[in-house]
Protein backbone atom coordinates (compact mmCIF):
# COMPACT_ATOMS: atom_id res chain seq x y z
CA VAL A 1 0.00 0.00 0.00
CA GLY A 2 1.32 3.21 -0.80
CA LEU A 3 0.13 7.08 0.39
CA LEU A 4 0.74 4.91 -1.63
CA VAL A 5 -1.08 2.63 0.24
CA ALA A 6 -1.48 9.72 5.69
CA ALA A 7 -10.31 15.97 8.73
CA GLY A 8 -10.77 16.44 11.67
CA PHE A 9 -8.93 13.23 12.08
CA ALA A 10 -10.81 10.13 13.16
CA ALA A 11 -8.69 8.52 15.85
CA PRO A 12 -7.68 4.94 15.11
CA ALA A 13 -8.38 2.09 17.46
CA SER A 14 -5.89 3.01 20.14
CA SER A 15 -3.28 0.47 21.07
CA GLY A 16 -1.70 2.35 23.93
CA THR A 17 1.99 3.18 24.07
CA ASP A 18 4.29 0.66 25.72
CA ARG A 19 7.13 1.95 27.89
CA SER A 20 9.72 0.18 29.98
CA ALA A 21 8.93 -0.81 33.53
CA ALA A 22 10.31 2.47 34.86
CA GLY A 23 7.93 4.43 32.64
CA VAL A 24 10.73 5.76 30.42
CA ALA A 25 11.70 4.31 27.05
CA LYS A 26 14.88 2.26 27.23
CA LYS A 27 17.73 3.59 25.08
CA GLY A 28 20.07 1.62 22.84
CA GLY A 29 20.02 -1.62 20.91
CA THR A 30 19.09 -2.45 17.33
CA LEU A 31 15.56 -2.61 15.92
CA ARG A 32 15.44 -5.54 13.50
CA LEU A 33 12.91 -5.22 10.69
CA SER A 34 12.15 -7.44 7.71
CA LYS A 35 10.59 -6.75 4.31
CA SER A 36 9.73 -9.28 1.60
CA THR A 37 10.38 -6.99 -1.38
CA ASP A 38 12.41 -3.82 -1.75
CA VAL A 39 11.13 -0.31 -1.09
CA ASP A 40 10.39 2.13 -3.89
CA TYR A 41 12.90 4.86 -3.00
CA VAL A 42 14.60 6.47 -0.02
CA ASP A 43 14.97 9.76 -1.91
CA PRO A 44 12.46 12.19 -0.32
CA ALA A 45 11.47 13.60 -3.72
CA LEU A 46 10.32 10.16 -4.90
CA ALA A 47 9.55 7.95 -1.90
CA TYR A 48 5.78 7.41 -1.75
CA PHE A 49 5.10 4.05 -0.12
CA THR A 50 3.84 3.95 3.44
CA ASP A 51 7.13 2.46 4.64
CA THR A 52 9.35 5.04 2.87
CA PHE A 53 7.23 8.22 2.76
CA GLY A 54 5.83 7.28 6.17
CA ALA A 55 8.07 5.29 8.51
CA ILE A 56 11.45 6.22 6.96
CA GLY A 57 10.49 9.71 5.82
CA TYR A 58 9.37 10.89 9.23
CA ALA A 59 12.28 9.19 11.06
CA THR A 60 14.95 10.75 8.85
CA CYS A 61 13.53 14.15 7.97
CA ALA A 62 12.99 17.35 9.96
CA LYS A 63 10.37 19.33 8.06
CA LEU A 64 9.12 22.87 8.46
CA TYR A 65 6.00 21.46 10.12
CA SER A 66 5.26 18.00 11.45
CA TYR A 67 3.21 16.10 14.02
CA PRO A 68 3.87 15.06 17.63
CA ASP A 69 4.80 11.46 18.39
CA LYS A 70 1.37 10.67 19.81
CA GLU A 71 -1.53 8.37 18.99
CA GLY A 72 -4.94 9.24 17.57
CA ALA A 73 -6.23 12.77 17.15
CA ALA A 74 -3.40 14.28 19.21
CA GLY A 75 -0.86 12.88 16.76
CA ALA A 76 -2.66 14.46 13.79
CA GLN A 77 -2.30 18.06 15.03
CA VAL A 78 0.21 20.01 12.95
CA ILE A 79 3.02 21.60 14.95
CA PRO A 80 6.10 23.64 13.96
CA GLU A 81 9.27 21.56 13.63
CA VAL A 82 12.16 23.41 11.95
CA ALA A 83 9.86 26.44 11.68
CA ALA A 84 9.94 28.62 14.79
CA GLY A 85 6.18 29.12 14.54
CA PHE A 86 3.30 29.15 12.10
CA PRO A 87 3.65 31.37 9.00
CA LYS A 88 2.88 35.06 9.01
CA ILE A 89 0.33 35.38 6.21
CA SER A 90 -0.22 38.54 4.17
CA LYS A 91 -3.62 40.21 4.07
CA ASN A 92 -4.35 38.80 0.60
CA GLY A 93 -3.49 35.30 1.84
CA LYS A 94 -0.81 34.75 -0.81
CA THR A 95 2.50 35.39 0.97
CA TYR A 96 3.72 33.10 3.76
CA SER A 97 6.72 34.21 5.83
CA ILE A 98 8.38 31.51 7.94
CA THR A 99 11.18 31.96 10.47
CA LEU A 100 13.37 28.91 11.06
CA LYS A 101 15.00 27.60 14.22
CA LYS A 102 18.80 27.61 14.15
CA THR A 103 19.31 24.30 15.95
CA TYR A 104 18.70 21.73 13.20
CA LYS A 105 21.58 20.00 11.44
CA PHE A 106 22.01 17.31 8.82
CA HIS A 107 23.78 14.10 9.86
CA THR A 108 26.88 15.53 8.17
CA GLY A 109 26.95 18.40 10.67
CA ALA A 110 25.87 21.01 8.12
CA ASN A 111 23.19 23.46 9.23
CA VAL A 112 19.60 23.14 8.00
CA THR A 113 18.84 26.59 6.58
CA ALA A 114 16.15 28.27 4.53
CA GLN A 115 18.19 27.51 1.42
CA SER A 116 17.98 23.78 2.29
CA PHE A 117 14.20 24.01 1.78
CA VAL A 118 14.50 26.17 -1.36
CA LEU A 119 16.72 23.48 -2.88
CA ALA A 120 14.16 20.80 -1.95
CA PHE A 121 11.28 22.60 -3.69
CA ASN A 122 13.32 23.26 -6.81
CA ARG A 123 14.51 19.66 -6.91
CA ASP A 124 10.94 18.35 -6.55
CA ALA A 125 9.77 20.62 -9.39
CA ASN A 126 12.57 19.67 -11.79
CA PRO A 127 10.88 17.74 -14.64
CA LYS A 128 13.72 15.21 -14.76
CA MET A 129 12.78 14.05 -11.25
CA GLN A 130 9.11 13.37 -12.12
CA SER A 131 8.35 13.81 -8.42
CA PRO A 132 4.82 13.09 -7.13
CA ALA A 133 5.28 16.24 -5.03
CA THR A 134 4.37 18.45 -7.99
CA SER A 135 0.63 17.86 -7.50
CA TYR A 136 0.99 19.81 -4.23
CA MET A 137 3.12 22.64 -5.65
CA LYS A 138 1.24 24.18 -8.56
CA GLU A 139 -0.21 27.10 -6.58
CA ILE A 140 3.31 28.32 -5.75
CA VAL A 141 4.30 31.26 -7.94
CA GLY A 142 6.71 30.06 -10.63
CA ALA A 143 6.39 26.35 -9.84
CA GLU A 144 4.48 25.54 -13.04
CA ALA A 145 7.29 27.06 -15.12
CA VAL A 146 9.89 24.79 -13.52
CA ILE A 147 7.65 21.72 -13.75
CA ALA A 148 7.17 22.46 -17.46
CA GLY A 149 10.94 22.85 -17.98
CA LYS A 150 10.69 26.58 -18.76
CA ALA A 151 12.62 27.77 -15.70
CA SER A 152 15.29 26.35 -13.40
CA SER A 153 14.09 27.76 -10.09
CA ILE A 154 10.76 28.64 -8.48
CA SER A 155 10.39 32.40 -8.34
CA GLY A 156 7.88 32.26 -5.49
CA ILE A 157 10.22 30.62 -2.94
CA LYS A 158 13.04 32.69 -1.48
CA ALA A 159 15.52 32.42 1.37
CA ASN A 160 15.70 35.80 3.06
CA GLY A 161 18.91 35.19 4.93
CA ALA A 162 19.92 31.90 6.53
CA TYR A 163 16.81 31.37 8.63
CA ALA A 164 13.89 33.11 6.95
CA LEU A 165 11.80 31.65 4.13
CA THR A 166 9.09 33.25 1.99
CA ILE A 167 6.56 31.32 -0.09
CA LYS A 168 4.32 33.21 -2.51
CA THR A 169 1.24 31.58 -4.02
CA THR A 170 -1.08 32.46 -6.86
CA LYS A 171 -4.09 32.22 -4.53
CA PRO A 172 -4.71 31.50 -0.84
CA VAL A 173 -3.89 27.86 -0.04
CA PRO A 174 -5.83 26.81 3.07
CA ASP A 175 -3.86 23.59 3.54
CA LEU A 176 -0.35 24.90 2.79
CA VAL A 177 0.99 24.24 6.30
CA ALA A 178 -0.36 20.67 6.18
CA ARG A 179 1.35 20.15 2.81
CA LEU A 180 4.65 21.23 4.34
CA THR A 181 4.48 18.27 6.76
CA MET A 182 5.12 15.86 3.90
CA PRO A 183 8.61 14.35 3.48
CA PHE A 184 8.58 15.53 -0.14
CA PHE A 185 9.61 18.90 1.29
CA CYS A 186 12.40 17.52 3.46
CA PRO A 187 15.45 19.83 3.45
CA VAL A 188 18.28 18.74 1.17
CA THR A 189 21.94 19.57 0.67
CA PRO A 190 23.49 20.91 -2.57
CA SER A 191 25.16 17.54 -3.12
CA MET A 192 21.76 15.90 -3.69
CA GLY A 193 21.63 16.60 -7.40
CA ILE A 194 19.02 15.74 -9.98
CA GLU A 195 18.88 11.95 -10.00
CA PRO A 196 15.75 10.60 -11.76
CA ASP A 197 16.30 7.16 -10.19
CA GLY A 198 16.69 8.73 -6.75
CA VAL A 199 19.67 8.93 -4.43
CA ASN A 200 20.29 6.13 -1.94
CA ASN A 201 22.14 8.26 0.61
CA PRO A 202 19.98 11.34 1.26
CA ALA A 203 21.17 13.74 3.94
CA GLY A 204 19.22 13.06 7.13
CA SER A 205 17.90 15.93 9.22
CA GLY A 206 15.66 14.00 11.62
CA PRO A 207 16.55 11.66 14.51
CA TYR A 208 17.95 9.10 12.02
CA TYR A 209 19.46 8.99 8.55
CA VAL A 210 19.82 6.33 5.85
CA SER A 211 23.36 5.10 6.48
CA GLU A 212 23.17 2.19 4.05
CA ARG A 213 21.04 1.04 1.17
CA THR A 214 21.94 -1.97 -0.92
CA VAL A 215 19.13 -2.38 -3.45
CA ASN A 216 17.15 -5.60 -2.96
CA ARG A 217 19.33 -6.54 0.03
CA GLN A 218 19.30 -4.19 2.99
CA LEU A 219 18.52 -0.78 4.47
CA VAL A 220 20.11 0.62 7.62
CA LEU A 221 19.05 3.72 9.56
CA SER A 222 21.54 5.14 12.06
CA LYS A 223 21.23 7.88 14.65
CA ASN A 224 21.85 11.46 13.55
CA LYS A 225 24.31 12.51 16.26
CA PHE A 226 23.70 16.17 15.43
CA TYR A 227 19.94 15.98 15.97
CA LYS A 228 18.88 18.23 18.87
CA GLY A 229 15.12 18.30 18.26
CA PRO A 230 12.39 16.99 20.58
CA ARG A 231 11.59 13.76 18.75
CA PRO A 232 12.63 10.44 20.32
CA SER A 233 15.46 8.27 18.98
CA ASN A 234 15.47 5.30 21.27
CA VAL A 235 17.36 2.58 19.41
CA ASP A 236 20.88 3.09 18.09
CA LYS A 237 20.25 1.50 14.72
CA ILE A 238 17.41 0.15 12.57
CA VAL A 239 18.38 -2.74 10.29
CA TRP A 240 16.02 -3.63 7.48
CA PRO A 241 16.93 -6.72 5.39
CA ILE A 242 15.06 -7.32 2.13
CA GLY A 243 13.88 -10.73 0.98
CA PRO A 244 12.46 -12.92 3.78
CA THR A 245 8.98 -14.19 2.97
CA LEU A 246 5.93 -13.19 4.99
CA ALA A 247 5.86 -16.66 6.55
CA SER A 248 9.56 -16.49 7.48
CA CYS A 249 9.10 -13.07 9.01
CA ARG A 250 6.20 -14.28 11.12
CA LEU A 251 8.28 -17.21 12.41
CA ASN A 252 11.33 -15.03 13.07
CA THR A 253 9.25 -12.45 14.94
CA GLU A 254 7.66 -15.07 17.16
CA GLN A 255 11.14 -16.45 17.87
CA ASP A 256 12.42 -12.93 18.65
CA ALA A 257 14.90 -12.94 15.77
CA THR A 258 13.02 -10.10 14.01
CA ASP A 259 11.18 -7.21 15.65
CA TRP A 260 8.63 -6.14 13.01
CA CYS A 261 7.37 -7.44 9.66
CA VAL A 262 7.15 -4.34 7.45
CA ASP A 263 5.01 -6.11 4.83
CA GLY A 264 2.93 -7.98 7.40
CA ILE A 265 2.48 -11.72 7.73
CA PRO A 266 0.53 -14.21 5.57
CA PRO A 267 -3.14 -13.12 5.46
CA THR A 268 -4.29 -16.52 6.67
CA ALA A 269 -2.18 -16.20 9.84
CA TYR A 270 -3.78 -13.11 11.38
CA LYS A 271 -6.62 -14.96 13.15
CA GLU A 272 -4.20 -17.40 14.77
CA ILE A 273 -1.90 -14.56 15.84
CA ALA A 274 -4.83 -12.59 17.30
CA ASP A 275 -5.99 -15.63 19.25
CA LYS A 276 -2.48 -16.33 20.49
CA TYR A 277 -1.41 -12.85 21.59
CA GLY A 278 -4.65 -10.92 21.89
CA VAL A 279 -5.31 -7.59 20.17
CA ASN A 280 -4.04 -4.20 21.37
CA LYS A 281 -2.95 -5.47 24.77
CA LYS A 282 -0.69 -3.36 26.93
CA ASP A 283 2.87 -4.54 26.42
CA GLY A 284 1.48 -6.90 23.77
CA GLN A 285 2.75 -8.20 20.46
CA TYR A 286 -0.18 -7.76 18.09
CA TYR A 287 -1.82 -4.42 17.32
CA PHE A 288 -4.75 -3.47 15.10
CA ASN A 289 -5.53 0.07 13.93
CA THR A 290 -7.90 1.62 11.42
CA ALA A 291 -6.45 3.93 8.80
CA LEU A 292 -7.69 6.63 6.44
CA GLY A 293 -7.12 4.55 3.34
CA THR A 294 -8.81 2.69 0.49
CA SER A 295 -7.81 -0.30 -1.63
CA TYR A 296 -9.14 -0.26 -5.18
CA PHE A 297 -8.77 -1.48 -8.72
CA ALA A 298 -7.49 1.40 -10.84
CA LEU A 299 -9.22 1.24 -14.24
CA ASN A 300 -6.86 2.41 -16.98
CA HIS A 301 -8.58 5.17 -18.98
CA ASP A 302 -5.84 5.11 -21.62
CA ARG A 303 -6.92 1.61 -22.62
CA ALA A 304 -10.07 -0.51 -22.21
CA PHE A 305 -11.97 1.93 -19.98
CA LYS A 306 -11.49 5.09 -22.04
CA GLY A 307 -14.88 6.77 -22.46
CA ASP A 308 -16.72 3.63 -21.41
CA ILE A 309 -18.76 4.27 -18.26
CA PRO A 310 -20.95 1.15 -18.74
CA LEU A 311 -17.83 -1.04 -18.73
CA LYS A 312 -16.60 0.62 -15.53
CA LYS A 313 -19.98 0.04 -13.90
CA ALA A 314 -19.91 -3.58 -15.07
CA ILE A 315 -16.65 -4.14 -13.19
CA ASN A 316 -18.06 -2.53 -10.04
CA PHE A 317 -21.16 -4.74 -10.13
CA ALA A 318 -19.16 -7.88 -10.95
CA ILE A 319 -16.60 -7.81 -8.13
CA ASP A 320 -17.29 -9.67 -4.90
CA ARG A 321 -16.25 -7.15 -2.26
CA PRO A 322 -16.63 -9.47 0.75
CA ALA A 323 -14.34 -12.02 -0.93
CA LEU A 324 -11.81 -9.30 -1.76
CA VAL A 325 -11.82 -8.17 1.88
CA ARG A 326 -11.46 -11.75 3.14
CA ALA A 327 -8.27 -12.03 1.08
CA SER A 328 -6.59 -9.77 3.64
CA GLY A 329 -7.37 -12.11 6.52
CA PHE A 330 -8.75 -11.46 10.01
CA LEU A 331 -9.44 -7.76 10.71
CA GLY A 332 -8.20 -7.02 7.19
CA GLY A 333 -10.55 -4.14 6.40
CA LYS A 334 -14.11 -3.09 5.71
CA ARG A 335 -15.78 -3.36 2.31
CA THR A 336 -16.55 -0.17 0.42
CA ASP A 337 -17.67 1.15 -2.95
CA GLN A 338 -16.43 4.70 -2.37
CA ILE A 339 -13.15 6.52 -2.88
CA LEU A 340 -12.89 8.18 0.53
CA PRO A 341 -12.75 6.30 3.84
CA PRO A 342 -15.84 6.68 6.05
CA ALA A 343 -14.39 9.41 8.29
CA LEU A 344 -14.03 11.74 5.29
CA THR A 345 -17.27 11.11 3.42
CA LYS A 346 -20.96 10.24 3.66
CA ASN A 347 -22.43 6.90 2.71
CA VAL A 348 -23.83 6.57 -0.81
CA ASP A 349 -25.07 3.14 -1.92
CA LEU A 350 -23.92 2.72 -5.50
CA PHE A 351 -22.59 -0.80 -5.99
CA PRO A 352 -23.14 -4.13 -4.19
CA LEU A 353 -21.34 -4.56 -0.87
CA LYS A 354 -22.72 -8.01 0.00
CA GLY A 355 -21.35 -9.86 -3.02
CA SER A 356 -21.19 -9.86 -6.78
CA ASN A 357 -24.21 -8.98 -8.94
CA PRO A 358 -23.37 -10.66 -12.25
CA ASN A 359 -26.77 -9.97 -13.81
CA ALA A 360 -26.40 -6.21 -13.37
CA ALA A 361 -22.79 -6.48 -14.52
CA LYS A 362 -23.83 -8.28 -17.71
CA LYS A 363 -26.45 -5.61 -18.37
CA PHE A 364 -23.85 -2.83 -18.26
CA LEU A 365 -21.34 -4.92 -20.20
CA GLY A 366 -23.96 -5.18 -22.94
CA GLN A 367 -24.05 -1.37 -23.10
CA SER A 368 -20.26 -1.12 -23.30
CA LYS A 369 -18.78 0.22 -26.50
CA ASN A 370 -15.56 -1.75 -26.03
CA LYS A 371 -16.88 -5.11 -24.74
CA PRO A 372 -13.42 -6.57 -24.07
CA ASN A 373 -12.94 -10.32 -24.08
CA LYS A 374 -9.80 -10.00 -21.95
CA LEU A 375 -8.38 -7.51 -19.47
CA ILE A 376 -4.82 -7.41 -18.11
CA LEU A 377 -4.36 -7.05 -14.33
CA TYR A 378 -1.06 -5.96 -12.78
CA SER A 379 -0.73 -7.53 -9.34
CA THR A 380 2.02 -8.63 -6.96
CA THR A 381 3.78 -11.83 -6.00
CA THR A 382 2.93 -11.84 -2.28
CA GLY A 383 0.20 -11.07 0.21
CA ALA A 384 -3.49 -10.39 -0.26
CA ARG A 385 -3.09 -9.15 -3.84
CA VAL A 386 -2.33 -12.70 -4.98
CA ILE A 387 -5.70 -13.88 -3.66
CA ARG A 388 -7.51 -10.79 -4.93
CA ALA A 389 -6.26 -11.50 -8.44
CA GLN A 390 -7.89 -14.91 -8.27
CA VAL A 391 -11.15 -13.42 -7.00
CA LEU A 392 -11.20 -10.85 -9.82
CA GLN A 393 -10.47 -13.56 -12.40
CA PHE A 394 -13.39 -15.62 -11.14
CA ASN A 395 -15.79 -12.66 -10.89
CA LEU A 396 -15.15 -11.37 -14.41
CA LYS A 397 -15.22 -14.87 -15.87
CA GLN A 398 -18.86 -15.02 -14.73
CA ILE A 399 -19.69 -12.17 -17.12
CA GLY A 400 -17.59 -13.48 -20.02
CA VAL A 401 -14.39 -11.49 -19.52
CA ASP A 402 -11.03 -13.22 -19.06
CA VAL A 403 -8.40 -11.66 -16.80
CA GLU A 404 -4.72 -12.17 -17.56
CA VAL A 405 -2.75 -11.66 -14.34
CA LYS A 406 0.80 -10.34 -14.44
CA GLN A 407 2.64 -10.44 -11.12
CA PHE A 408 5.58 -8.36 -9.97
CA ALA A 409 7.36 -7.37 -6.77
CA ARG A 410 5.28 -4.60 -5.18
CA ALA A 411 7.67 -1.73 -5.97
CA VAL A 412 7.99 -2.94 -9.57
CA GLN A 413 4.22 -3.30 -9.94
CA HIS A 414 3.70 0.28 -8.78
CA GLU A 415 6.47 1.60 -11.03
CA LYS A 416 4.87 -0.09 -14.02
CA CYS A 417 1.33 1.06 -13.20
CA ALA A 418 2.72 4.58 -12.65
CA THR A 419 4.24 4.67 -16.14
CA ARG A 420 1.94 6.05 -18.80
CA GLY A 421 1.62 3.71 -21.77
CA GLU A 422 2.29 0.54 -19.78
CA PRO A 423 -0.02 -2.17 -21.25
CA PHE A 424 -2.33 -2.94 -18.32
CA ASP A 425 -6.08 -2.45 -17.93
CA ILE A 426 -6.46 -2.84 -14.16
CA CYS A 427 -3.98 -2.23 -11.35
CA ASP A 428 -4.54 -3.41 -7.76
CA GLU A 429 -3.67 -0.34 -5.68
CA GLY A 430 -4.15 1.20 -2.26
CA TRP A 431 -3.91 4.71 -0.86
CA LEU A 432 -3.59 6.37 2.53
CA VAL A 433 -4.03 10.10 3.07
CA ASP A 434 -0.79 12.13 2.93
CA TYR A 435 -2.20 14.39 5.63
CA ALA A 436 -5.61 14.72 7.21
CA ASP A 437 -7.54 16.18 4.25
CA ALA A 438 -9.49 14.49 1.43
CA VAL A 439 -7.62 16.63 -1.10
CA THR A 440 -4.83 14.08 -0.71
CA PHE A 441 -7.05 11.56 -2.49
CA PHE A 442 -8.53 13.73 -5.21
CA GLU A 443 -5.58 15.93 -6.20
CA PRO A 444 -2.86 13.28 -6.75
CA LEU A 445 -5.16 10.39 -7.77
CA LEU A 446 -7.92 11.94 -9.89
CA ASN A 447 -6.90 15.39 -11.14
CA GLY A 448 -5.82 14.64 -14.70
CA ASN A 449 -3.77 17.83 -14.85
CA ASN A 450 -1.14 16.05 -12.73
CA ILE A 451 -0.55 13.15 -15.12
CA GLN A 452 3.06 12.86 -16.29
CA GLU A 453 5.12 10.27 -18.14
CA THR A 454 6.32 8.34 -15.07
CA SER A 455 5.85 8.27 -11.28
CA ASN A 456 2.11 8.85 -11.55
CA SER A 457 -0.16 8.45 -8.55
CA ASN A 458 -3.16 8.65 -10.89
CA GLU A 459 -2.78 5.09 -12.14
CA SER A 460 -6.26 5.11 -13.65
CA TYR A 461 -5.10 7.96 -15.92
CA PHE A 462 -8.46 9.56 -15.26
CA ASN A 463 -8.51 13.00 -16.87
CA ASP A 464 -11.93 14.63 -17.03
CA PRO A 465 -11.90 18.45 -17.40
CA VAL A 466 -15.21 18.70 -15.52
CA TYR A 467 -13.84 16.88 -12.49
CA ASN A 468 -10.44 18.56 -12.71
CA LYS A 469 -12.26 21.89 -12.26
CA LYS A 470 -14.39 20.54 -9.42
CA ILE A 471 -11.31 19.28 -7.57
CA GLU A 472 -9.54 22.61 -7.97
CA ALA A 473 -12.64 24.55 -6.89
CA ILE A 474 -13.13 22.55 -3.69
CA GLY A 475 -9.41 22.91 -2.97
CA LYS A 476 -9.94 26.65 -2.55
CA LEU A 477 -12.51 26.15 0.21
CA SER A 478 -11.85 25.80 3.92
CA GLY A 479 -13.59 24.49 7.01
CA LYS A 480 -16.95 22.73 6.81
CA ALA A 481 -17.54 23.83 3.21
CA ARG A 482 -14.35 22.07 2.18
CA GLU A 483 -15.18 18.87 4.07
CA GLN A 484 -18.71 18.82 2.61
CA GLY A 485 -17.39 19.53 -0.85
CA TRP A 486 -15.08 16.53 -0.82
CA ALA A 487 -17.80 14.25 0.59
CA ASN A 488 -20.23 15.33 -2.14
CA LEU A 489 -17.60 14.87 -4.83
CA ASP A 490 -16.94 11.33 -3.64
CA GLY A 491 -20.52 10.25 -4.43
CA ASP A 492 -20.69 12.35 -7.60
CA ILE A 493 -17.55 10.98 -9.22
CA MET A 494 -18.27 7.34 -8.39
CA LYS A 495 -21.85 7.63 -9.65
CA ASN A 496 -21.21 9.57 -12.85
CA ALA A 497 -17.59 8.92 -13.87
CA VAL A 498 -16.57 5.68 -12.05
CA PRO A 499 -12.76 6.01 -12.24
CA TRP A 500 -12.11 3.04 -9.92
CA ALA A 501 -13.57 -0.10 -8.48
CA PRO A 502 -13.00 0.50 -4.74
CA PHE A 503 -13.47 -2.48 -2.44
CA LEU A 504 -11.75 -2.09 0.95
CA ASN A 505 -11.09 0.48 3.68
CA ILE A 506 -7.63 -0.23 5.01
CA THR A 507 -6.61 -1.43 8.45
CA ILE A 508 -3.07 -1.76 9.81
CA ARG A 509 -2.02 -4.89 11.71
CA ASP A 510 1.41 -5.09 13.33
CA LEU A 511 3.07 -8.16 14.84
CA ILE A 512 6.12 -7.26 16.92
CA SER A 513 8.64 -9.31 18.89
CA LYS A 514 8.50 -9.84 22.62
CA SER A 515 11.66 -7.75 23.02
CA THR A 516 10.18 -4.71 21.26
CA GLY A 517 8.62 -2.00 23.36
CA CYS A 518 7.27 1.55 23.02
CA TYR A 519 4.96 0.56 20.15
CA LEU A 520 3.24 3.67 18.82
CA TYR A 521 0.85 3.66 15.88
CA HIS A 522 0.96 7.15 14.47
CA PRO A 523 -2.12 8.41 12.58
CA VAL A 524 -0.02 9.81 9.73
CA TRP A 525 3.16 7.76 9.43
CA GLU A 526 1.89 4.54 11.05
CA PHE A 527 4.67 2.54 12.82
CA ASP A 528 6.72 5.16 14.65
CA LEU A 529 10.31 3.97 14.20
CA ALA A 530 11.79 6.84 16.21
CA ALA A 531 9.59 6.04 19.23
CA ALA A 532 10.17 2.26 19.20
CA CYS A 533 12.54 0.82 21.79
CA LYS A 534 14.06 -2.47 22.87
CA LYS A 535 13.02 -3.81 26.25
């Protein structure tokens, strides 16, 4: 799942935070993680999976604004981090002046300055990087020119001395401060040049930094000895080997040879684990939390689904949502037919939630202008997606459509689905909010103006001028009007344009070792690596 599968934020099921017997987190030791397939990137301009954008991004990056290391609603409140306070905003709402603290340093010992953030914005906007960050930058004066390759620097972002930053926008941006919490806007050093494939040794400004990355083999995070901020950094090192299977990771965690399975455990094992260890127990080993996220089949509008609403409705009536949810195992999620998770929307009954409706699906397939005999699904080699591919094959076979399944490692699958022109019709995807606002679904995933050649979040390649304008119009609103606007758009777009086949609202389940303490599920970045400790 990536972000790529983080409202007033709906607090997750609270697990409680485990501390040592003395009530203070124990310092030292190594946190041992395990991941079945490699991450996407560790470069902050490109990293967009929950484990890189989320867990690694927040552990290694000190941003202008961030969140406290707390659970639930308290952890979703934006606070200044490198910024000394919230921006001073001009009367017209289009100039944001930010003063920086002078105490933050990169792991190299170099100071984090206003220019460090200017470099980050310009690097994100560089068209060679194809950064997903650009969907959150277009209101900044001069950003569009850089994104289009017509300028080399963003005119609307300036360092006014070492510790003062000014951001000018083309219109008021109600969620600008929330955007600045994202690791995309992590400060960088001049040595981090334009590398379209991403750098593997980004300068760390948070409690940790990436001290080693060997692609497809191992990641290591080490303490930033120059970090003087308030965030925790309990363990000395976080070691993250790549390759062990989900089953191996489960076994190793139960034997206390691994501390956390980044990719989870086999879906069929969750019930047994819950029965064995209990759920959300104090000082426990198994934790369950709800998340603001949705799993869905992205329907490729550059291929079979282009201009074919009946075909898109046929897919939504054909899929068996309960079976797709069951693929994730015990406590694996809640079925849905909407884009937004329940906390951000209102219920609209559009497609069957209790099972497939092949008769209705055949009716809409009969109205389809394309009437494909075969569709190509891009899926993965492990986890629930393997089972979901089988469910989709069976469901569409009932209406006369064959599904050819192509499987890849998760990072490869996403890279392929994110590349325009790749020959797939359906991609099994998931998404968690980047911050607590529904714009983080609609802007990156469904505003066609953000589509680029590679690194797309909009893997359905949905580009409807009517809905592009609606998304941009709601983005200008604030408060209750904004929340209501997004909720209304959710029902509107799924009823009248049907860009996806959503099926599951995401939950997060973590199995940890008996020697791991201080477990904290953060509402934005999930597993809080900086807070974790060894008992």
